[in-house]
């Protein structure tokens, strides 16, 4: 059998038919795998991409954006709070650190009330038992004092967070208690508009409803 008649040669040089289709499929899979490995190496997380499911971060993120996320400790700013790798909005305003159009890091965290991760901005850190009412922006709470404010005093140490387009802090509206560092899945670093629509499909969070 000549080399031109070998299965490998026919597979590599087929101009049509099932061999060409199989070759193109395998090439596409190999390309996607390479991209995935590069993203994993850069982010330290799997999956390193998260689709935005709501309008809570508008105008800086919109539903259907695909967001690249890294471990909090990667690409850490000197302005980050302690060893968390997260820059709060409070600290960002004094240091000049910005992300997605405003001061402070946008974090991806796990909330007990939702099955999907939450992508919101870290505003400030509170200690366990802290009365954080006086530190809060009055525009983002619907309470007259700590007693009327959900999660005040703070039931645990963590970040007070908020969607840029939301009226209240997540902790004030009961979405989550202060976000402890071990609940922070990652820090958002960049976004690709609309590509996340493929991830969201045609469910209730779809870009097409």
N, C-alpha and C. Protein backbone atom coordinates (compact mmCIF):
# COMPACT_ATOMS: atom_id res chain seq x y z
N UNK A 1 0.85 -1.21 0.00
CA UNK A 1 0.00 0.00 0.00
C UNK A 1 0.88 1.25 0.00
N UNK A 2 0.67 2.16 -0.95
CA UNK A 2 1.45 3.40 -0.98
C UNK A 2 0.97 4.33 0.12
N UNK A 3 1.84 5.31 0.45
CA UNK A 3 1.49 6.27 1.51
C UNK A 3 0.26 7.07 1.14
N UNK A 4 0.02 7.26 -0.17
CA UNK A 4 -1.15 8.02 -0.62
C UNK A 4 -2.44 7.28 -0.37
N UNK A 5 -2.35 5.97 -0.17
CA UNK A 5 -3.56 5.17 0.05
C UNK A 5 -3.80 4.88 1.52
N UNK A 6 -2.93 5.36 2.39
CA UNK A 6 -3.08 5.06 3.81
C UNK A 6 -4.30 5.78 4.39
N UNK A 7 -4.91 5.22 5.44
CA UNK A 7 -6.07 5.88 6.08
C UNK A 7 -5.74 7.30 6.57
N UNK A 8 -4.52 7.48 7.11
CA UNK A 8 -4.15 8.80 7.61
C UNK A 8 -4.07 9.81 6.48
N UNK A 9 -3.50 9.41 5.36
CA UNK A 9 -3.39 10.33 4.21
C UNK A 9 -4.77 10.69 3.69
N UNK A 10 -5.63 9.70 3.57
CA UNK A 10 -6.99 9.99 3.08
C UNK A 10 -7.73 10.91 4.04
N UNK A 11 -7.53 10.69 5.35
CA UNK A 11 -8.18 11.54 6.36
C UNK A 11 -7.69 12.98 6.25
N UNK A 12 -6.39 13.17 6.09
CA UNK A 12 -5.80 14.52 6.07
C UNK A 12 -6.06 15.27 4.78
N UNK A 13 -6.31 14.55 3.69
CA UNK A 13 -6.40 15.21 2.38
C UNK A 13 -7.76 15.06 1.70
N UNK A 14 -8.72 14.50 2.40
CA UNK A 14 -10.05 14.35 1.80
C UNK A 14 -10.65 15.72 1.51
N UNK A 15 -11.16 15.90 0.29
CA UNK A 15 -11.75 17.18 -0.11
C UNK A 15 -13.25 17.25 0.15
N UNK A 16 -13.87 16.10 0.36
CA UNK A 16 -15.31 16.08 0.64
C UNK A 16 -15.64 14.76 1.33
N UNK A 17 -16.94 14.60 1.61
CA UNK A 17 -17.38 13.36 2.21
C UNK A 17 -17.19 13.33 3.72
N UNK A 18 -17.47 12.18 4.34
CA UNK A 18 -17.43 12.05 5.80
C UNK A 18 -16.05 12.27 6.40
N UNK A 19 -14.99 11.93 5.70
CA UNK A 19 -13.65 12.13 6.26
C UNK A 19 -13.35 13.62 6.43
N UNK A 20 -13.75 14.43 5.46
CA UNK A 20 -13.53 15.87 5.58
C UNK A 20 -14.36 16.43 6.72
N UNK A 21 -15.61 16.00 6.83
CA UNK A 21 -16.48 16.47 7.91
C UNK A 21 -15.89 16.10 9.26
N UNK A 22 -15.42 14.86 9.40
CA UNK A 22 -14.83 14.42 10.66
C UNK A 22 -13.58 15.24 10.98
N UNK A 23 -12.77 15.51 9.96
CA UNK A 23 -11.54 16.30 10.17
C UNK A 23 -11.87 17.70 10.66
N UNK A 24 -12.89 18.31 10.09
CA UNK A 24 -13.25 19.67 10.49
C UNK A 24 -13.83 19.69 11.90
N UNK A 25 -14.60 18.67 12.24
CA UNK A 25 -15.15 18.59 13.59
C UNK A 25 -14.03 18.45 14.62
N UNK A 26 -13.10 17.53 14.34
CA UNK A 26 -11.99 17.32 15.27
C UNK A 26 -11.11 18.56 15.37
N UNK A 27 -10.92 19.28 14.27
CA UNK A 27 -10.12 20.51 14.30
C UNK A 27 -10.80 21.56 15.17
N UNK A 28 -12.11 21.67 15.05
CA UNK A 28 -12.86 22.64 15.85
C UNK A 28 -12.79 22.29 17.34
N UNK A 29 -12.95 21.01 17.65
CA UNK A 29 -12.87 20.56 19.05
C UNK A 29 -11.49 20.85 19.61
N UNK A 30 -10.45 20.59 18.82
CA UNK A 30 -9.08 20.84 19.28
C UNK A 30 -8.84 22.32 19.52
N UNK A 31 -9.39 23.17 18.66
CA UNK A 31 -9.23 24.62 18.83
C UNK A 31 -9.91 25.10 20.10
N UNK A 32 -11.16 24.63 20.32
CA UNK A 32 -11.90 25.03 21.52
C UNK A 32 -11.17 24.55 22.78
N UNK A 33 -10.63 23.33 22.73
CA UNK A 33 -9.90 22.79 23.87
C UNK A 33 -8.67 23.63 24.18
N UNK A 34 -7.97 24.08 23.15
CA UNK A 34 -6.78 24.92 23.35
C UNK A 34 -7.15 26.25 23.98
N UNK A 35 -8.22 26.86 23.47
CA UNK A 35 -8.68 28.13 24.03
C UNK A 35 -9.07 27.95 25.49
N UNK A 36 -9.78 26.85 25.79
CA UNK A 36 -10.21 26.58 27.16
C UNK A 36 -9.01 26.42 28.10
N UNK A 37 -7.99 25.73 27.63
CA UNK A 37 -6.80 25.53 28.45
C UNK A 37 -6.09 26.86 28.72
N UNK A 38 -6.02 27.71 27.71
CA UNK A 38 -5.39 29.02 27.89
C UNK A 38 -6.17 29.86 28.90
N UNK A 39 -7.50 29.86 28.78
CA UNK A 39 -8.33 30.63 29.71
C UNK A 39 -8.22 30.09 31.13
N UNK A 40 -8.19 28.76 31.25
CA UNK A 40 -8.05 28.16 32.58
C UNK A 40 -6.70 28.52 33.18
N UNK A 41 -5.65 28.49 32.35
CA UNK A 41 -4.33 28.84 32.86
C UNK A 41 -4.26 30.28 33.33
N UNK A 42 -4.96 31.16 32.63
CA UNK A 42 -4.93 32.58 33.00
C UNK A 42 -5.81 32.87 34.21
N UNK A 43 -6.95 32.18 34.31
CA UNK A 43 -7.92 32.51 35.35
C UNK A 43 -7.75 31.71 36.63
N UNK A 44 -7.30 30.46 36.50
CA UNK A 44 -7.22 29.59 37.66
C UNK A 44 -8.57 29.04 38.08
N UNK A 45 -9.60 29.26 37.27
CA UNK A 45 -10.95 28.80 37.58
C UNK A 45 -11.50 27.97 36.43
N UNK A 46 -12.45 27.10 36.77
CA UNK A 46 -13.18 26.40 35.73
C UNK A 46 -14.65 26.31 36.12
N UNK A 47 -15.56 26.79 35.28
CA UNK A 47 -15.28 27.49 34.03
C UNK A 47 -14.83 28.93 34.29
N UNK A 48 -14.01 29.50 33.42
CA UNK A 48 -13.52 30.86 33.61
C UNK A 48 -14.45 31.93 33.04
N UNK A 49 -15.58 31.52 32.48
CA UNK A 49 -16.51 32.45 31.84
C UNK A 49 -17.89 32.32 32.47
N UNK A 50 -18.52 33.44 32.74
CA UNK A 50 -19.85 33.47 33.35
C UNK A 50 -20.75 34.37 32.51
N UNK A 51 -21.95 33.90 32.24
CA UNK A 51 -22.91 34.71 31.48
C UNK A 51 -23.73 35.58 32.42
N UNK A 52 -23.90 36.85 32.05
CA UNK A 52 -24.72 37.77 32.83
C UNK A 52 -26.19 37.46 32.56
N UNK A 53 -26.96 37.20 33.63
CA UNK A 53 -28.33 36.73 33.47
C UNK A 53 -29.39 37.80 33.72
N UNK A 54 -28.99 38.99 34.16
CA UNK A 54 -29.99 40.02 34.46
C UNK A 54 -29.43 41.39 34.11
N UNK A 55 -30.24 42.41 34.35
CA UNK A 55 -29.81 43.78 34.08
C UNK A 55 -29.32 44.50 35.31
N UNK A 56 -28.97 43.77 36.38
CA UNK A 56 -28.61 44.41 37.65
C UNK A 56 -27.31 45.20 37.59
N UNK A 57 -26.47 44.94 36.58
CA UNK A 57 -25.20 45.67 36.48
C UNK A 57 -25.18 46.66 35.32
N UNK A 58 -26.34 46.94 34.73
CA UNK A 58 -26.39 47.93 33.66
C UNK A 58 -25.96 49.31 34.19
N UNK A 59 -25.32 50.14 33.40
CA UNK A 59 -25.02 49.95 31.98
C UNK A 59 -23.68 49.27 31.72
N UNK A 60 -22.95 48.90 32.78
CA UNK A 60 -21.59 48.40 32.62
C UNK A 60 -21.55 46.93 32.21
N UNK A 61 -22.59 46.19 32.50
CA UNK A 61 -22.77 44.83 32.02
C UNK A 61 -24.25 44.66 31.70
N UNK A 62 -24.54 43.94 30.64
CA UNK A 62 -25.95 43.72 30.28
C UNK A 62 -26.19 42.23 30.11
N UNK A 63 -27.46 41.87 30.18
CA UNK A 63 -27.82 40.46 30.01
C UNK A 63 -27.26 39.93 28.69
N UNK A 64 -26.63 38.79 28.79
CA UNK A 64 -26.04 38.18 27.60
C UNK A 64 -24.56 38.43 27.45
N UNK A 65 -23.99 39.33 28.25
CA UNK A 65 -22.53 39.50 28.23
C UNK A 65 -21.88 38.23 28.76
N UNK A 66 -20.73 37.89 28.19
CA UNK A 66 -19.93 36.78 28.70
C UNK A 66 -18.74 37.39 29.43
N UNK A 67 -18.62 37.08 30.72
CA UNK A 67 -17.64 37.74 31.57
C UNK A 67 -16.49 36.79 31.89
N UNK A 68 -15.27 37.27 31.70
CA UNK A 68 -14.08 36.50 32.04
C UNK A 68 -13.76 36.74 33.51
N UNK A 69 -13.61 35.65 34.26
CA UNK A 69 -13.43 35.72 35.71
C UNK A 69 -12.12 35.03 36.10
N UNK A 70 -11.42 35.61 37.07
CA UNK A 70 -10.21 34.98 37.59
C UNK A 70 -10.34 34.74 39.08
N UNK A 71 -9.49 33.87 39.60
CA UNK A 71 -9.40 33.73 41.04
C UNK A 71 -9.11 35.09 41.64
N UNK A 72 -9.67 35.39 42.82
CA UNK A 72 -9.46 36.72 43.41
C UNK A 72 -7.98 37.08 43.59
N UNK A 73 -7.16 36.08 43.86
CA UNK A 73 -5.75 36.36 44.12
C UNK A 73 -4.92 36.63 42.90
N UNK A 74 -5.46 36.44 41.70
CA UNK A 74 -4.70 36.68 40.48
C UNK A 74 -4.84 38.14 40.04
N UNK A 75 -3.75 38.70 39.56
CA UNK A 75 -3.73 40.10 39.09
C UNK A 75 -4.22 41.04 40.19
N UNK A 76 -3.81 40.76 41.42
CA UNK A 76 -4.29 41.53 42.56
C UNK A 76 -3.75 42.95 42.57
N UNK A 77 -4.62 43.89 42.86
CA UNK A 77 -4.22 45.29 42.99
C UNK A 77 -3.67 45.54 44.39
N UNK A 78 -2.77 46.51 44.50
CA UNK A 78 -2.25 46.89 45.80
C UNK A 78 -3.34 47.47 46.70
N UNK A 79 -4.44 47.89 46.09
CA UNK A 79 -5.54 48.47 46.86
C UNK A 79 -6.49 47.41 47.40
N UNK A 80 -6.23 46.12 47.11
CA UNK A 80 -7.13 45.06 47.54
C UNK A 80 -7.22 45.00 49.07
N UNK A 81 -8.39 44.59 49.55
CA UNK A 81 -8.61 44.50 50.99
C UNK A 81 -7.93 43.26 51.55
N UNK A 82 -6.99 43.47 52.44
CA UNK A 82 -6.26 42.38 53.09
C UNK A 82 -5.76 41.38 52.05
N UNK A 83 -6.05 40.09 52.29
CA UNK A 83 -5.58 39.05 51.37
C UNK A 83 -6.70 38.56 50.46
N UNK A 84 -7.79 39.31 50.35
CA UNK A 84 -8.95 38.83 49.59
C UNK A 84 -8.78 38.98 48.09
N UNK A 85 -7.92 39.89 47.65
CA UNK A 85 -7.80 40.17 46.22
C UNK A 85 -8.90 41.06 45.69
N UNK A 86 -9.79 41.53 46.55
CA UNK A 86 -10.94 42.34 46.15
C UNK A 86 -10.74 43.78 46.59
N UNK A 87 -10.92 44.71 45.66
CA UNK A 87 -10.87 46.13 45.97
C UNK A 87 -12.30 46.62 46.16
N UNK A 88 -12.61 47.14 47.33
CA UNK A 88 -13.96 47.65 47.55
C UNK A 88 -14.13 49.00 46.86
N UNK A 89 -15.37 49.36 46.63
CA UNK A 89 -15.66 50.67 46.03
C UNK A 89 -15.14 51.78 46.93
N UNK A 90 -15.26 51.58 48.22
CA UNK A 90 -14.78 52.54 49.20
C UNK A 90 -13.28 52.77 49.03
N UNK A 91 -12.51 51.67 48.88
CA UNK A 91 -11.07 51.77 48.71
C UNK A 91 -10.70 52.23 47.30
N UNK A 92 -11.49 51.83 46.32
CA UNK A 92 -11.22 52.22 44.95
C UNK A 92 -11.33 53.72 44.73
N UNK A 93 -12.25 54.34 45.45
CA UNK A 93 -12.42 55.79 45.31
C UNK A 93 -11.19 56.55 45.77
N UNK A 94 -10.51 56.03 46.79
CA UNK A 94 -9.33 56.71 47.31
C UNK A 94 -8.05 56.34 46.55
N UNK A 95 -8.04 55.13 45.95
CA UNK A 95 -6.84 54.67 45.25
C UNK A 95 -6.89 54.88 43.74
N UNK A 96 -8.08 55.16 43.21
CA UNK A 96 -8.24 55.33 41.77
C UNK A 96 -8.49 54.04 41.03
N UNK A 97 -8.66 52.94 41.76
CA UNK A 97 -8.92 51.64 41.12
C UNK A 97 -10.35 51.60 40.58
N UNK A 98 -10.49 51.28 39.30
CA UNK A 98 -11.82 51.17 38.68
C UNK A 98 -11.95 49.85 37.93
N UNK A 99 -13.16 49.37 37.83
CA UNK A 99 -13.47 48.18 37.04
C UNK A 99 -14.88 48.33 36.49
N UNK A 100 -15.03 48.14 35.20
CA UNK A 100 -16.35 48.22 34.56
C UNK A 100 -17.04 49.54 34.88
N UNK A 101 -16.29 50.63 34.71
CA UNK A 101 -16.90 51.95 34.75
C UNK A 101 -17.10 52.58 36.11
N UNK A 102 -16.64 51.95 37.18
CA UNK A 102 -16.83 52.53 38.51
C UNK A 102 -15.75 52.02 39.46
N UNK A 103 -15.66 52.63 40.63
CA UNK A 103 -14.64 52.25 41.60
C UNK A 103 -14.93 50.89 42.21
N UNK A 104 -13.88 50.11 42.42
CA UNK A 104 -14.01 48.83 43.11
C UNK A 104 -14.17 47.64 42.18
N UNK A 105 -13.93 46.46 42.75
CA UNK A 105 -14.01 45.20 41.99
C UNK A 105 -15.44 44.73 41.82
N UNK A 106 -15.69 44.10 40.68
CA UNK A 106 -16.95 43.38 40.47
C UNK A 106 -16.66 41.92 40.77
N UNK A 107 -17.36 41.37 41.74
CA UNK A 107 -17.09 40.00 42.18
C UNK A 107 -18.22 39.07 41.74
N UNK A 108 -17.87 37.81 41.58
CA UNK A 108 -18.84 36.76 41.31
C UNK A 108 -18.92 35.93 42.58
N UNK A 109 -20.10 35.88 43.20
CA UNK A 109 -20.21 35.16 44.46
C UNK A 109 -21.44 34.25 44.49
N UNK A 110 -21.40 33.31 45.41
CA UNK A 110 -22.49 32.35 45.57
C UNK A 110 -23.45 32.87 46.63
N UNK A 111 -24.73 32.95 46.26
CA UNK A 111 -25.77 33.40 47.19
C UNK A 111 -26.75 32.26 47.41
N UNK A 112 -27.16 32.07 48.65
CA UNK A 112 -28.06 30.95 48.97
C UNK A 112 -29.42 31.10 48.31
N UNK A 113 -29.84 32.33 48.05
CA UNK A 113 -31.18 32.55 47.49
C UNK A 113 -31.27 32.32 46.00
N UNK A 114 -30.14 32.18 45.32
CA UNK A 114 -30.15 31.99 43.88
C UNK A 114 -29.33 30.78 43.50
N UNK A 115 -29.74 30.10 42.43
CA UNK A 115 -29.00 28.94 41.96
C UNK A 115 -27.81 29.34 41.10
N UNK A 116 -27.85 30.54 40.54
CA UNK A 116 -26.77 31.04 39.70
C UNK A 116 -25.89 32.00 40.50
N UNK A 117 -24.61 32.11 40.16
CA UNK A 117 -23.75 33.06 40.85
C UNK A 117 -24.20 34.49 40.59
N UNK A 118 -23.93 35.36 41.56
CA UNK A 118 -24.30 36.77 41.48
C UNK A 118 -23.06 37.56 41.05
N UNK A 119 -23.24 38.48 40.11
CA UNK A 119 -22.14 39.33 39.63
C UNK A 119 -22.45 40.77 40.03
N UNK A 120 -21.89 41.21 41.16
CA UNK A 120 -22.15 42.56 41.68
C UNK A 120 -20.88 43.19 42.19
N UNK A 121 -20.93 44.48 42.45
CA UNK A 121 -19.75 45.24 42.90
C UNK A 121 -19.61 45.19 44.41
N UNK A 122 -18.35 45.05 44.87
CA UNK A 122 -18.06 45.08 46.31
C UNK A 122 -17.95 46.54 46.76
N UNK A 123 -18.76 46.93 47.72
CA UNK A 123 -18.76 48.34 48.15
C UNK A 123 -17.89 48.60 49.37
N UNK A 124 -18.07 47.81 50.41
CA UNK A 124 -17.20 47.97 51.58
C UNK A 124 -17.24 46.70 52.41
N UNK A 125 -16.30 46.60 53.34
CA UNK A 125 -16.16 45.42 54.19
C UNK A 125 -16.75 45.72 55.56
N UNK A 126 -17.43 44.75 56.14
CA UNK A 126 -17.94 44.89 57.51
C UNK A 126 -17.43 43.73 58.36
N UNK A 127 -17.24 44.00 59.62
CA UNK A 127 -16.85 42.95 60.57
C UNK A 127 -18.10 42.33 61.20
N UNK A 128 -17.95 41.12 61.69
CA UNK A 128 -19.07 40.45 62.35
C UNK A 128 -19.56 41.30 63.52
N UNK A 129 -20.87 41.48 63.60
CA UNK A 129 -21.46 42.26 64.67
C UNK A 129 -21.44 43.76 64.46
N UNK A 130 -20.88 44.22 63.35
CA UNK A 130 -20.75 45.67 63.11
C UNK A 130 -22.09 46.30 62.75
N UNK A 131 -22.33 47.47 63.33
CA UNK A 131 -23.44 48.31 62.92
C UNK A 131 -22.94 49.12 61.73
N UNK A 132 -23.33 48.69 60.53
CA UNK A 132 -22.80 49.34 59.33
C UNK A 132 -23.76 50.36 58.71
N UNK A 133 -24.82 50.66 59.43
CA UNK A 133 -25.83 51.59 58.90
C UNK A 133 -25.21 52.95 58.59
N UNK A 134 -24.39 53.48 59.50
CA UNK A 134 -23.83 54.82 59.30
C UNK A 134 -22.80 54.86 58.18
N UNK A 135 -22.26 53.73 57.79
CA UNK A 135 -21.28 53.67 56.70
C UNK A 135 -21.97 53.53 55.35
N UNK A 136 -23.21 53.12 55.36
CA UNK A 136 -23.94 52.86 54.12
C UNK A 136 -24.34 54.17 53.44
N UNK A 137 -24.43 54.11 52.13
CA UNK A 137 -24.99 55.22 51.36
C UNK A 137 -26.51 55.20 51.61
N UNK A 138 -27.03 56.29 52.12
CA UNK A 138 -28.44 56.34 52.49
C UNK A 138 -29.36 56.06 51.31
N UNK A 139 -28.87 56.29 50.09
CA UNK A 139 -29.69 56.05 48.90
C UNK A 139 -29.91 54.57 48.64
N UNK A 140 -29.06 53.71 49.25
CA UNK A 140 -29.09 52.29 48.95
C UNK A 140 -29.67 51.44 50.08
N UNK A 141 -30.32 52.10 51.04
CA UNK A 141 -31.00 51.37 52.12
C UNK A 141 -32.38 51.99 52.32
N UNK A 142 -33.33 51.16 52.70
CA UNK A 142 -34.67 51.65 53.00
C UNK A 142 -34.94 51.42 54.48
N UNK A 143 -34.17 52.12 55.30
CA UNK A 143 -34.26 51.95 56.75
C UNK A 143 -33.81 53.23 57.43
N UNK A 144 -34.27 53.42 58.66
CA UNK A 144 -33.92 54.62 59.42
C UNK A 144 -32.80 54.37 60.41
N UNK A 145 -32.50 53.10 60.65
CA UNK A 145 -31.45 52.77 61.61
C UNK A 145 -31.04 51.31 61.41
N UNK A 146 -30.05 50.87 62.16
CA UNK A 146 -29.55 49.51 62.02
C UNK A 146 -30.63 48.48 62.34
N UNK A 147 -31.44 48.76 63.30
CA UNK A 147 -32.48 47.82 63.72
C UNK A 147 -33.44 47.51 62.57
N UNK A 148 -33.70 48.49 61.73
CA UNK A 148 -34.62 48.31 60.61
C UNK A 148 -33.94 47.76 59.36
N UNK A 149 -32.61 47.71 59.39
CA UNK A 149 -31.84 47.32 58.21
C UNK A 149 -31.53 45.83 58.24
N UNK A 150 -31.90 45.12 57.19
CA UNK A 150 -31.61 43.69 57.09
C UNK A 150 -30.10 43.46 57.18
N UNK A 151 -29.71 42.39 57.88
CA UNK A 151 -28.30 42.02 58.07
C UNK A 151 -27.50 43.07 58.83
N UNK A 152 -28.16 43.80 59.69
CA UNK A 152 -27.50 44.76 60.56
C UNK A 152 -28.01 44.55 61.99
N UNK A 153 -27.08 44.36 62.95
CA UNK A 153 -25.64 44.24 62.83
C UNK A 153 -25.25 43.07 61.90
N UNK A 154 -24.05 43.14 61.36
CA UNK A 154 -23.61 42.13 60.39
C UNK A 154 -23.54 40.75 61.05
N UNK A 155 -24.22 39.75 60.48
CA UNK A 155 -24.19 38.40 61.07
C UNK A 155 -22.84 37.72 60.89
N UNK A 156 -22.02 38.23 59.97
CA UNK A 156 -20.67 37.68 59.74
C UNK A 156 -19.83 38.74 59.04
N UNK A 157 -18.54 38.53 59.05
CA UNK A 157 -17.65 39.45 58.34
C UNK A 157 -17.75 39.19 56.84
N UNK A 158 -17.65 40.24 56.04
CA UNK A 158 -17.72 40.06 54.60
C UNK A 158 -17.96 41.38 53.88
N UNK A 159 -18.14 41.26 52.57
CA UNK A 159 -18.35 42.44 51.73
C UNK A 159 -19.83 42.79 51.62
N UNK A 160 -20.11 44.08 51.65
CA UNK A 160 -21.44 44.58 51.30
C UNK A 160 -21.38 44.85 49.79
N UNK A 161 -22.32 44.28 49.06
CA UNK A 161 -22.28 44.30 47.60
C UNK A 161 -23.57 44.91 47.04
N UNK A 162 -23.48 45.27 45.75
CA UNK A 162 -24.67 45.86 45.12
C UNK A 162 -24.52 45.80 43.60
N UNK A 163 -25.60 45.51 42.91
CA UNK A 163 -25.64 45.64 41.47
C UNK A 163 -25.68 47.11 41.11
N UNK A 164 -24.90 47.54 40.14
CA UNK A 164 -24.83 48.97 39.79
C UNK A 164 -26.19 49.55 39.43
N UNK A 165 -27.09 48.71 38.93
CA UNK A 165 -28.41 49.18 38.51
C UNK A 165 -29.49 48.91 39.55
N UNK A 166 -29.10 48.34 40.69
CA UNK A 166 -30.08 48.01 41.73
C UNK A 166 -30.27 49.18 42.69
N UNK A 167 -31.44 49.23 43.31
CA UNK A 167 -31.76 50.33 44.21
C UNK A 167 -31.12 50.17 45.58
N UNK A 168 -30.88 48.91 46.01
CA UNK A 168 -30.37 48.66 47.36
C UNK A 168 -29.17 47.73 47.34
N UNK A 169 -28.42 47.76 48.44
CA UNK A 169 -27.37 46.77 48.64
C UNK A 169 -28.00 45.38 48.67
N UNK A 170 -27.24 44.38 48.27
CA UNK A 170 -27.73 43.00 48.34
C UNK A 170 -28.07 42.62 49.78
N UNK A 171 -27.30 43.15 50.71
CA UNK A 171 -27.52 42.82 52.12
C UNK A 171 -28.74 43.54 52.68
N UNK A 172 -29.08 44.68 52.11
CA UNK A 172 -30.25 45.43 52.57
C UNK A 172 -31.54 44.83 52.05
N UNK A 173 -31.49 44.25 50.84
CA UNK A 173 -32.73 43.67 50.29
C UNK A 173 -32.86 42.18 50.58
N UNK A 174 -31.89 41.62 51.33
CA UNK A 174 -31.99 40.22 51.75
C UNK A 174 -31.48 39.20 50.75
N UNK A 175 -30.84 39.66 49.67
CA UNK A 175 -30.31 38.71 48.69
C UNK A 175 -29.23 37.82 49.30
N UNK A 176 -28.40 38.41 50.14
CA UNK A 176 -27.30 37.65 50.75
C UNK A 176 -26.81 38.37 52.00
N UNK A 177 -26.28 37.63 52.97
CA UNK A 177 -25.58 38.29 54.08
C UNK A 177 -24.27 38.85 53.55
N UNK A 178 -23.51 39.56 54.38
CA UNK A 178 -22.20 40.02 53.91
C UNK A 178 -21.44 38.85 53.28
N UNK A 179 -20.82 39.13 52.13
CA UNK A 179 -20.20 38.05 51.34
C UNK A 179 -18.81 37.75 51.88
N UNK A 180 -18.70 36.61 52.55
CA UNK A 180 -17.41 36.18 53.11
C UNK A 180 -16.47 35.82 51.96
N UNK A 181 -15.15 35.96 52.16
CA UNK A 181 -14.20 35.64 51.10
C UNK A 181 -14.35 34.25 50.51
N UNK A 182 -14.74 33.27 51.35
CA UNK A 182 -14.87 31.91 50.80
C UNK A 182 -16.12 31.74 49.94
N UNK A 183 -16.97 32.77 49.89
CA UNK A 183 -18.13 32.74 49.00
C UNK A 183 -17.85 33.44 47.67
N UNK A 184 -16.71 34.13 47.61
CA UNK A 184 -16.34 34.83 46.38
C UNK A 184 -15.71 33.83 45.43
N UNK A 185 -16.38 33.57 44.33
CA UNK A 185 -15.88 32.62 43.34
C UNK A 185 -14.76 33.23 42.50
N UNK A 186 -14.86 34.51 42.21
CA UNK A 186 -13.83 35.14 41.41
C UNK A 186 -14.09 36.63 41.23
N UNK A 187 -13.18 37.27 40.52
CA UNK A 187 -13.28 38.70 40.22
C UNK A 187 -13.40 38.86 38.71
N UNK A 188 -14.37 39.65 38.28
CA UNK A 188 -14.59 39.88 36.85
C UNK A 188 -13.48 40.76 36.28
N UNK A 189 -12.95 40.36 35.12
CA UNK A 189 -11.84 41.09 34.52
C UNK A 189 -12.19 41.69 33.16
N UNK A 190 -13.11 41.11 32.43
CA UNK A 190 -13.45 41.61 31.10
C UNK A 190 -14.74 40.98 30.63
N UNK A 191 -15.29 41.52 29.56
CA UNK A 191 -16.56 40.98 29.06
C UNK A 191 -16.58 41.00 27.54
N UNK A 192 -17.36 40.07 27.00
CA UNK A 192 -17.61 40.02 25.56
C UNK A 192 -19.12 40.18 25.37
N UNK A 193 -19.56 41.28 24.76
CA UNK A 193 -21.00 41.51 24.61
C UNK A 193 -21.69 40.41 23.82
N UNK A 194 -22.89 40.03 24.28
CA UNK A 194 -23.82 39.15 23.57
C UNK A 194 -23.41 37.69 23.49
N UNK A 195 -22.14 37.36 23.66
CA UNK A 195 -21.71 35.97 23.50
C UNK A 195 -22.32 35.06 24.56
N UNK A 196 -22.67 35.62 25.71
CA UNK A 196 -23.28 34.82 26.77
C UNK A 196 -24.70 34.39 26.44
N UNK A 197 -25.31 34.98 25.41
CA UNK A 197 -26.66 34.58 25.02
C UNK A 197 -26.71 33.11 24.64
N UNK A 198 -25.61 32.61 24.08
CA UNK A 198 -25.56 31.19 23.72
C UNK A 198 -25.62 30.33 24.97
N UNK A 199 -24.99 30.80 26.03
CA UNK A 199 -24.99 30.07 27.30
C UNK A 199 -26.37 30.10 27.95
N UNK A 200 -27.07 31.22 27.84
CA UNK A 200 -28.37 31.37 28.48
C UNK A 200 -29.48 30.61 27.76
N UNK A 201 -29.30 30.35 26.47
CA UNK A 201 -30.29 29.59 25.71
C UNK A 201 -31.61 30.32 25.59
N UNK A 202 -32.70 29.56 25.75
CA UNK A 202 -34.04 30.14 25.57
C UNK A 202 -34.89 30.03 26.83
N UNK A 203 -34.25 29.93 28.01
CA UNK A 203 -34.97 29.85 29.26
C UNK A 203 -35.48 31.21 29.72
N UNK A 204 -35.84 31.29 30.99
CA UNK A 204 -36.43 32.53 31.51
C UNK A 204 -35.45 33.69 31.53
N UNK A 205 -34.13 33.39 31.53
CA UNK A 205 -33.13 34.44 31.52
C UNK A 205 -32.58 34.70 30.13
N UNK A 206 -33.22 34.15 29.12
CA UNK A 206 -32.74 34.26 27.76
C UNK A 206 -32.66 35.72 27.31
N UNK A 207 -31.73 36.01 26.39
CA UNK A 207 -31.64 37.34 25.79
C UNK A 207 -32.82 37.63 24.89
N UNK A 208 -33.58 36.60 24.55
CA UNK A 208 -34.62 36.74 23.52
C UNK A 208 -36.02 36.87 24.11
N UNK A 209 -36.11 37.03 25.44
CA UNK A 209 -37.44 37.20 26.05
C UNK A 209 -37.56 38.59 26.67
